[in-house]
Protein backbone atom coordinates (compact mmCIF):
# COMPACT_ATOMS: atom_id res chain seq x y z
CA UNK A 1 0.00 0.00 0.00
CA UNK A 2 1.24 3.41 -0.95
CA UNK A 3 -0.14 6.65 0.46
CA UNK A 4 2.02 9.74 0.22
CA UNK A 5 5.14 7.57 0.22
CA UNK A 6 4.12 5.45 3.17
CA UNK A 7 4.19 1.68 3.40
CA UNK A 8 2.47 -0.63 5.85
CA UNK A 9 4.70 -3.29 7.35
CA UNK A 10 3.99 -6.28 9.57
CA UNK A 11 6.27 -7.78 12.20
CA UNK A 12 6.14 -11.41 13.30
CA UNK A 13 7.18 -12.22 16.87
CA UNK A 14 7.57 -14.80 19.58
CA UNK A 15 4.90 -14.42 22.28
CA UNK A 16 6.88 -15.97 25.12
CA UNK A 17 7.09 -12.80 27.20
CA UNK A 18 5.23 -9.59 26.42
CA UNK A 19 4.39 -9.80 22.71
CA UNK A 20 0.73 -10.12 21.71
CA UNK A 21 1.24 -11.46 18.17
CA UNK A 22 1.50 -9.73 14.78
CA UNK A 23 2.33 -6.01 14.88
CA UNK A 24 1.69 -3.39 12.24
CA UNK A 25 3.82 -0.31 11.63
CA UNK A 26 4.30 2.47 9.09
CA UNK A 27 7.39 3.34 7.06
CA UNK A 28 7.45 6.88 5.68
CA UNK A 29 10.06 6.88 2.91
CA UNK A 30 9.95 10.66 2.47
CA UNK A 31 10.98 11.36 6.07
CA UNK A 32 12.86 8.06 6.53
CA UNK A 33 11.01 7.12 9.72
CA UNK A 34 9.27 4.18 11.32
CA UNK A 35 6.14 4.84 13.41
CA UNK A 36 2.67 3.72 14.54
CA UNK A 37 3.46 0.33 16.02
CA UNK A 38 0.25 -1.45 17.06
CA UNK A 39 -1.06 -4.97 17.44
CA UNK A 40 -2.58 -6.13 14.13
CA UNK A 41 -3.64 -9.60 15.29
CA UNK A 42 -3.41 -11.45 18.57
CA UNK A 43 -1.96 -14.91 17.89
CA UNK A 44 0.54 -17.23 19.57
CA UNK A 45 4.15 -16.88 18.33
CA UNK A 46 3.59 -15.79 14.71
CA UNK A 47 7.33 -16.02 14.07
CA UNK A 48 7.17 -15.95 10.29
CA UNK A 49 4.81 -14.20 7.87
CA UNK A 50 4.11 -14.43 4.16
CA UNK A 51 1.99 -12.10 2.04
CA UNK A 52 0.20 -13.29 -1.11
CA UNK A 53 1.34 -11.96 -4.49
CA UNK A 54 -1.82 -9.86 -4.83
CA UNK A 55 -1.27 -8.29 -1.37
CA UNK A 56 -4.75 -9.42 -0.25
CA UNK A 57 -3.80 -12.06 2.28
CA UNK A 58 -1.29 -12.51 5.07
CA UNK A 59 -0.33 -15.94 6.40
CA UNK A 60 1.34 -16.43 9.76
CA UNK A 61 2.94 -19.28 11.63
CA UNK A 62 0.83 -19.88 14.75
CA UNK A 63 0.95 -21.71 18.05
CA UNK A 64 -2.01 -22.56 20.27
CA UNK A 65 -1.47 -24.66 23.38
CA UNK A 66 0.07 -27.95 22.15
CA UNK A 67 -0.85 -27.28 18.51
CA UNK A 68 1.03 -25.53 15.75
CA UNK A 69 0.32 -24.44 12.19
CA UNK A 70 -0.91 -21.52 10.11
CA UNK A 71 -3.37 -18.63 10.50
CA UNK A 72 -4.83 -16.97 7.40
CA UNK A 73 -5.85 -13.30 7.34
CA UNK A 74 -7.32 -10.83 4.90
CA UNK A 75 -5.25 -7.64 4.77
CA UNK A 76 -6.90 -4.25 4.22
CA UNK A 77 -4.64 -2.44 1.78
CA UNK A 78 -5.73 1.01 2.98
CA UNK A 79 -5.49 0.57 6.74
CA UNK A 80 -3.39 -2.57 7.08
CA UNK A 81 -5.93 -4.11 9.43
CA UNK A 82 -6.03 -7.93 9.48
CA UNK A 83 -9.25 -9.95 9.39
CA UNK A 84 -8.98 -13.58 10.55
CA UNK A 85 -10.14 -16.11 7.90
CA UNK A 86 -9.24 -19.54 9.24
CA UNK A 87 -6.49 -21.66 10.75
CA UNK A 88 -4.92 -25.04 10.14
CA UNK A 89 -3.23 -26.50 13.22
CA UNK A 90 -1.81 -29.94 13.99
CA UNK A 91 -0.45 -31.56 17.13
CA UNK A 92 3.07 -30.51 18.12
CA UNK A 93 5.40 -27.59 17.61
CA UNK A 94 4.58 -24.91 15.02
CA UNK A 95 6.53 -24.36 11.78
CA UNK A 96 9.37 -21.80 11.70
CA UNK A 97 8.86 -20.74 8.08
CA UNK A 98 6.12 -20.46 5.49
CA UNK A 99 5.73 -19.10 1.98
CA UNK A 100 2.69 -18.62 -0.23
CA UNK A 101 2.97 -18.89 -4.03
CA UNK A 102 0.24 -19.38 -6.64
CA UNK A 103 -2.40 -20.50 -4.12
CA UNK A 104 -0.06 -23.05 -2.58
CA UNK A 105 1.42 -22.58 0.86
CA UNK A 106 4.40 -24.55 2.11
CA UNK A 107 5.68 -24.61 5.68
CA UNK A 108 8.97 -25.77 7.16
CA UNK A 109 8.99 -27.23 10.66
CA UNK A 110 12.34 -27.08 12.48
CA UNK A 111 11.48 -29.34 15.41
CA UNK A 112 9.48 -31.93 13.48
CA UNK A 113 11.76 -31.99 10.41
CA UNK A 114 8.66 -31.64 8.26
CA UNK A 115 7.42 -29.85 5.17
CA UNK A 116 3.68 -29.27 4.80
CA UNK A 117 1.79 -28.39 1.66
CA UNK A 118 -1.43 -26.44 2.12
CA UNK A 119 -4.01 -25.25 -0.42
CA UNK A 120 -5.24 -21.68 -0.41
CA UNK A 121 -9.00 -21.80 -0.89
CA UNK A 122 -11.43 -19.31 -2.42
CA UNK A 123 -11.54 -16.67 0.28
CA UNK A 124 -7.86 -17.04 1.13
CA UNK A 125 -8.29 -19.70 3.79
CA UNK A 126 -5.93 -22.69 4.03
CA UNK A 127 -6.33 -26.46 4.24
CA UNK A 128 -3.67 -29.14 4.68
CA UNK A 129 -2.95 -31.23 1.56
CA UNK A 130 0.10 -33.34 2.44
CA UNK A 131 3.32 -33.44 4.43
CA UNK A 132 6.79 -34.94 4.17
CA UNK A 133 9.11 -35.96 6.97
CA UNK A 134 12.90 -35.63 6.62
CA UNK A 135 15.35 -38.09 8.21
CA UNK A 136 19.07 -37.69 8.86
CA UNK A 137 21.60 -35.79 10.94
CA UNK A 138 24.97 -34.02 10.81
CA UNK A 139 28.21 -33.62 12.78
CA UNK A 140 27.30 -30.41 14.64
CA UNK A 141 25.72 -30.62 18.13
CA UNK A 142 22.57 -28.96 16.75
CA UNK A 143 22.28 -31.54 13.96
CA UNK A 144 21.00 -34.48 16.02
CA UNK A 145 18.10 -34.84 13.54
CA UNK A 146 16.45 -33.10 10.60
CA UNK A 147 15.68 -29.41 11.13
CA UNK A 148 13.77 -27.97 8.17
CA UNK A 149 14.31 -24.21 8.24
CA UNK A 150 12.99 -22.94 4.93
CA UNK A 151 10.47 -24.14 2.36
CA UNK A 152 9.40 -22.05 -0.60
CA UNK A 153 8.74 -22.07 -4.31
CA UNK A 154 11.46 -21.65 -6.91
CA UNK A 155 10.87 -18.42 -8.89
CA UNK A 156 9.68 -20.41 -11.93
CA UNK A 157 7.04 -21.98 -9.68
CA UNK A 158 8.02 -25.47 -10.83
CA UNK A 159 9.47 -26.74 -7.56
CA UNK A 160 9.46 -26.41 -3.81
CA UNK A 161 12.94 -25.99 -2.37
CA UNK A 162 13.69 -26.97 1.22
CA UNK A 163 16.70 -26.04 3.40
CA UNK A 164 17.43 -28.65 6.08
CA UNK A 165 19.79 -27.31 8.74
CA UNK A 166 19.97 -30.67 10.52
CA UNK A 167 21.01 -32.81 7.55
CA UNK A 168 23.08 -30.28 5.51
CA UNK A 169 20.75 -30.74 2.56
CA UNK A 170 18.95 -28.66 -0.02
CA UNK A 171 16.04 -30.71 -1.32
CA UNK A 172 13.83 -30.09 -4.36
CA UNK A 173 10.25 -31.34 -4.69
CA UNK A 174 7.59 -31.21 -7.37
CA UNK A 175 3.90 -30.97 -6.57
CA UNK A 176 2.13 -33.96 -8.15
CA UNK A 177 -1.51 -34.83 -7.33
CA UNK A 178 -1.45 -32.56 -4.26
CA UNK A 179 1.66 -34.28 -2.91
CA UNK A 180 5.30 -33.33 -2.68
CA UNK A 181 7.38 -35.67 -4.87
CA UNK A 182 11.15 -35.71 -4.34
CA UNK A 183 13.22 -34.53 -7.32
CA UNK A 184 16.78 -33.92 -6.15
CA UNK A 185 18.90 -33.40 -3.04
CA UNK A 186 22.14 -31.42 -2.85
CA UNK A 187 24.40 -32.35 0.05
CA UNK A 188 26.47 -29.37 1.22
CA UNK A 189 29.48 -29.19 3.53
CA UNK A 190 28.92 -31.26 6.72
CA UNK A 191 28.18 -29.06 9.73
CA UNK A 192 27.32 -25.96 7.67
CA UNK A 193 23.58 -25.96 8.45
CA UNK A 194 21.63 -24.54 5.47
CA UNK A 195 19.00 -22.09 6.73
CA UNK A 196 17.55 -19.80 4.03
CA UNK A 197 17.85 -19.38 0.27
CA UNK A 198 17.17 -16.56 -2.19
CA UNK A 199 17.24 -16.50 -5.99
CA UNK A 200 18.85 -14.12 -8.45
CA UNK A 201 16.28 -12.44 -10.74
CA UNK A 202 17.89 -14.28 -13.68
CA UNK A 203 16.28 -17.45 -12.31
CA UNK A 204 19.48 -19.43 -12.83
CA UNK A 205 21.43 -18.63 -9.66
CA UNK A 206 20.60 -19.08 -5.99
CA UNK A 207 22.30 -17.95 -2.78
CA UNK A 208 22.13 -20.30 0.21
CA UNK A 209 22.79 -19.04 3.73
CA UNK A 210 24.33 -21.51 6.18
CA UNK A 211 23.53 -20.81 9.82
CA UNK A 212 26.23 -22.87 11.56
CA UNK A 213 29.22 -22.00 9.35
CA UNK A 214 28.03 -18.43 8.54
CA UNK A 215 28.66 -18.76 4.81
CA UNK A 216 26.87 -18.04 1.57
CA UNK A 217 26.97 -20.82 -1.00
CA UNK A 218 26.42 -19.61 -4.56
CA UNK A 219 24.52 -22.20 -6.58
CA UNK A 220 23.73 -22.76 -10.24
CA UNK A 221 20.07 -23.67 -10.57
CA UNK A 222 18.94 -25.97 -13.39
CA UNK A 223 15.20 -25.41 -13.73
CA UNK A 224 14.82 -28.24 -16.23
CA UNK A 225 15.93 -30.83 -13.70
CA UNK A 226 15.31 -29.00 -10.41
CA UNK A 227 18.99 -29.42 -9.52
CA UNK A 228 21.48 -27.20 -7.74
CA UNK A 229 25.27 -27.29 -8.10
CA UNK A 230 27.77 -25.41 -5.95
CA UNK A 231 29.79 -22.62 -7.51
CA UNK A 232 31.30 -20.52 -4.72
CA UNK A 233 31.39 -20.36 -0.90
CA UNK A 234 32.09 -17.09 0.88
CA UNK A 235 32.18 -16.15 4.58
CA UNK A 236 29.57 -13.78 6.02
CA UNK A 237 31.51 -12.86 9.20
CA UNK A 238 35.06 -11.61 9.75
CA UNK A 239 37.83 -14.26 9.94
CA UNK A 240 38.79 -13.05 13.43
CA UNK A 241 35.27 -13.24 14.91
CA UNK A 242 35.41 -16.20 17.32
CA UNK A 243 32.21 -15.83 19.35
CA UNK A 244 29.01 -17.68 18.46
CA UNK A 245 27.36 -16.47 15.29
CA UNK A 246 24.13 -17.87 13.92
CA UNK A 247 23.65 -16.55 10.41
CA UNK A 248 19.99 -15.70 9.83
CA UNK A 249 18.35 -14.24 6.74
CA UNK A 250 19.46 -13.69 3.16
CA UNK A 251 17.89 -11.26 0.70
CA UNK A 252 18.79 -9.90 -2.75
CA UNK A 253 17.96 -6.54 -4.34
CA UNK A 254 15.49 -6.85 -7.23
CA UNK A 255 18.13 -5.63 -9.72
CA UNK A 256 20.25 -8.64 -8.72
CA UNK A 257 23.29 -6.49 -7.91
CA UNK A 258 23.52 -6.92 -4.12
CA UNK A 259 23.04 -9.75 -1.63
CA UNK A 260 22.55 -9.07 2.09
CA UNK A 261 22.82 -11.53 4.97
CA UNK A 262 22.05 -11.26 8.68
CA UNK A 263 24.40 -12.28 11.50
CA UNK A 264 23.12 -13.04 15.00
CA UNK A 265 26.01 -12.76 17.43
CA UNK A 266 28.14 -10.50 15.24
CA UNK A 267 24.89 -8.44 15.07
CA UNK A 268 25.45 -7.21 11.57
CA UNK A 269 24.16 -7.21 8.03
CA UNK A 270 26.81 -8.30 5.53
CA UNK A 271 26.75 -6.72 2.07
CA UNK A 272 27.99 -8.61 -1.01
CA UNK A 273 28.33 -7.34 -4.56
CA UNK A 274 27.14 -9.70 -7.29
CA UNK A 275 29.40 -10.11 -10.32
CA UNK A 276 27.30 -9.37 -13.40
CA UNK A 277 28.76 -12.18 -15.48
CA UNK A 278 29.52 -15.03 -13.05
CA UNK A 279 26.91 -14.09 -10.39
CA UNK A 280 29.58 -14.84 -7.75
CA UNK A 281 29.89 -12.66 -4.66
CA UNK A 282 32.46 -10.19 -3.40
CA UNK A 283 32.21 -9.09 0.23
CA UNK A 284 31.85 -5.31 0.63
CA UNK A 285 31.20 -4.45 4.30
CA UNK A 286 29.36 -5.15 7.54
CA UNK A 287 26.81 -2.78 9.09
CA UNK A 288 25.81 -3.04 12.76
CA UNK A 289 22.09 -3.77 13.12
CA UNK A 290 21.67 -1.38 16.04
CA UNK A 291 20.44 -4.14 18.33
CA UNK A 292 20.98 -7.72 19.46
CA UNK A 293 20.24 -10.90 17.51
CA UNK A 294 18.98 -9.74 14.05
CA UNK A 295 16.66 -12.63 13.30
CA UNK A 296 15.71 -11.13 9.95
CA UNK A 297 15.73 -7.92 7.92
CA UNK A 298 13.99 -6.85 4.76
CA UNK A 299 14.20 -4.36 1.91
CA UNK A 300 11.15 -2.09 1.78
CA UNK A 301 9.08 -2.05 -1.46
CA UNK A 302 10.97 1.00 -2.78
CA UNK A 303 14.29 -0.69 -1.90
CA UNK A 304 15.56 2.67 -0.63
CA UNK A 305 15.56 1.26 2.91
CA UNK A 306 16.34 -1.87 4.87
CA UNK A 307 14.64 -2.69 8.18
CA UNK A 308 16.48 -4.94 10.62
CA UNK A 309 14.52 -6.89 13.25
CA UNK A 310 16.56 -7.46 16.40
CA UNK A 311 14.93 -10.18 18.48
CA UNK A 312 16.72 -9.84 21.82
CA UNK A 313 16.51 -6.06 21.98
CA UNK A 314 12.96 -6.05 20.58
CA UNK A 315 13.52 -3.29 18.06
CA UNK A 316 13.18 -2.50 14.38
CA UNK A 317 15.97 -0.30 13.02
CA UNK A 318 15.72 1.61 9.75
CA UNK A 319 18.67 1.87 7.36
CA UNK A 320 18.87 4.04 4.27
CA UNK A 321 20.13 2.03 1.28
CA UNK A 322 22.35 3.50 -1.44
CA UNK A 323 20.96 1.86 -4.59
CA UNK A 324 24.23 2.44 -6.48
CA UNK A 325 26.65 0.97 -3.92
CA UNK A 326 24.26 -1.17 -1.92
CA UNK A 327 25.62 0.33 1.30
CA UNK A 328 23.46 0.85 4.38
CA UNK A 329 23.37 3.84 6.73
CA UNK A 330 21.57 3.81 10.07
CA UNK A 331 18.89 6.53 9.90
CA UNK A 332 18.54 6.68 13.68
CA UNK A 333 14.86 5.78 13.35
CA UNK A 334 13.92 2.81 15.52
CA UNK A 335 10.72 1.45 17.06
CA UNK A 336 10.10 -1.16 19.72
CA UNK A 337 8.44 -4.45 18.79
CA UNK A 338 8.73 -7.10 21.52
CA UNK A 339 10.46 -10.43 20.66
CA UNK A 340 10.49 -9.45 16.99
CA UNK A 341 11.48 -12.05 14.40
CA UNK A 342 10.57 -11.04 10.84
CA UNK A 343 9.18 -8.15 8.80
CA UNK A 344 7.02 -8.18 5.65
CA UNK A 345 5.52 -5.27 3.70
CA UNK A 346 2.31 -4.80 1.78
CA UNK A 347 3.54 -4.06 -1.74
CA UNK A 348 2.22 -1.49 -4.14
């Protein structure tokens, strides 16, 4: 939504302490300020959000007592208010990630090691279609079993791609007869812990963030076969940083020129320049996120700004983005959102 250069954003949170659920806020890109934080929907630990391509619906991870799953909402493009449509919950822990694409919603469940496929029905509601359980482990102490951390559609819409932090795997599935059918699995470096992936606008390159080794793996993507092959691996934290760092999110600018990654521990966003020909990365600089434990960050719809969400300090921090160099500058504008995890915007 766009009114006098203002965008409506939503923040997903944990509700373990003081958070009430999904929060709404306003970004004014003319003044470069964040404001108007308010509760948009009361729901248990909506840690990840996804907005439909037409900006009509918002989907949130949800937890209710001993159940976990998805809540579906209708989003008002003028006011940003959320109207509850329905929910789909199953026994056990909730997912940690979800993404909607072409009326299909996929979730990734860290604790269960599961991927769920849901249908988006007429009014935007969801219903469970099928699920897949991953098996396996890795050498790191946090890899005692499968931990699915990301599940989303490839940009061509042909496949679902799944990052499994527990098994060091990137798996590709096709949707056949409302079921996920396995196509290919790429095994990456043992102990690296794949967490999130983003695609270059060319549709032929992908960038995989590893949480445990804090690296970006540049991948060639073959859309004919749904296969990934490794091309380059580059560190996202300084060589001399020896404290714990859990790499978090990865995002790319829509012109495909810059990749950004989040570092929890180092508390920074790393900027990489994308080589126009090879699509490989060159590290440029780190920017402090102005808080502790940046679980995620996002580019706003104009891509003139980046908003970092710092979970442990419970704040959103606004950075101006130089579209020529990709560099970020802290604007000094920050708002409090308790236990904040992720941010999504209503587009134009």
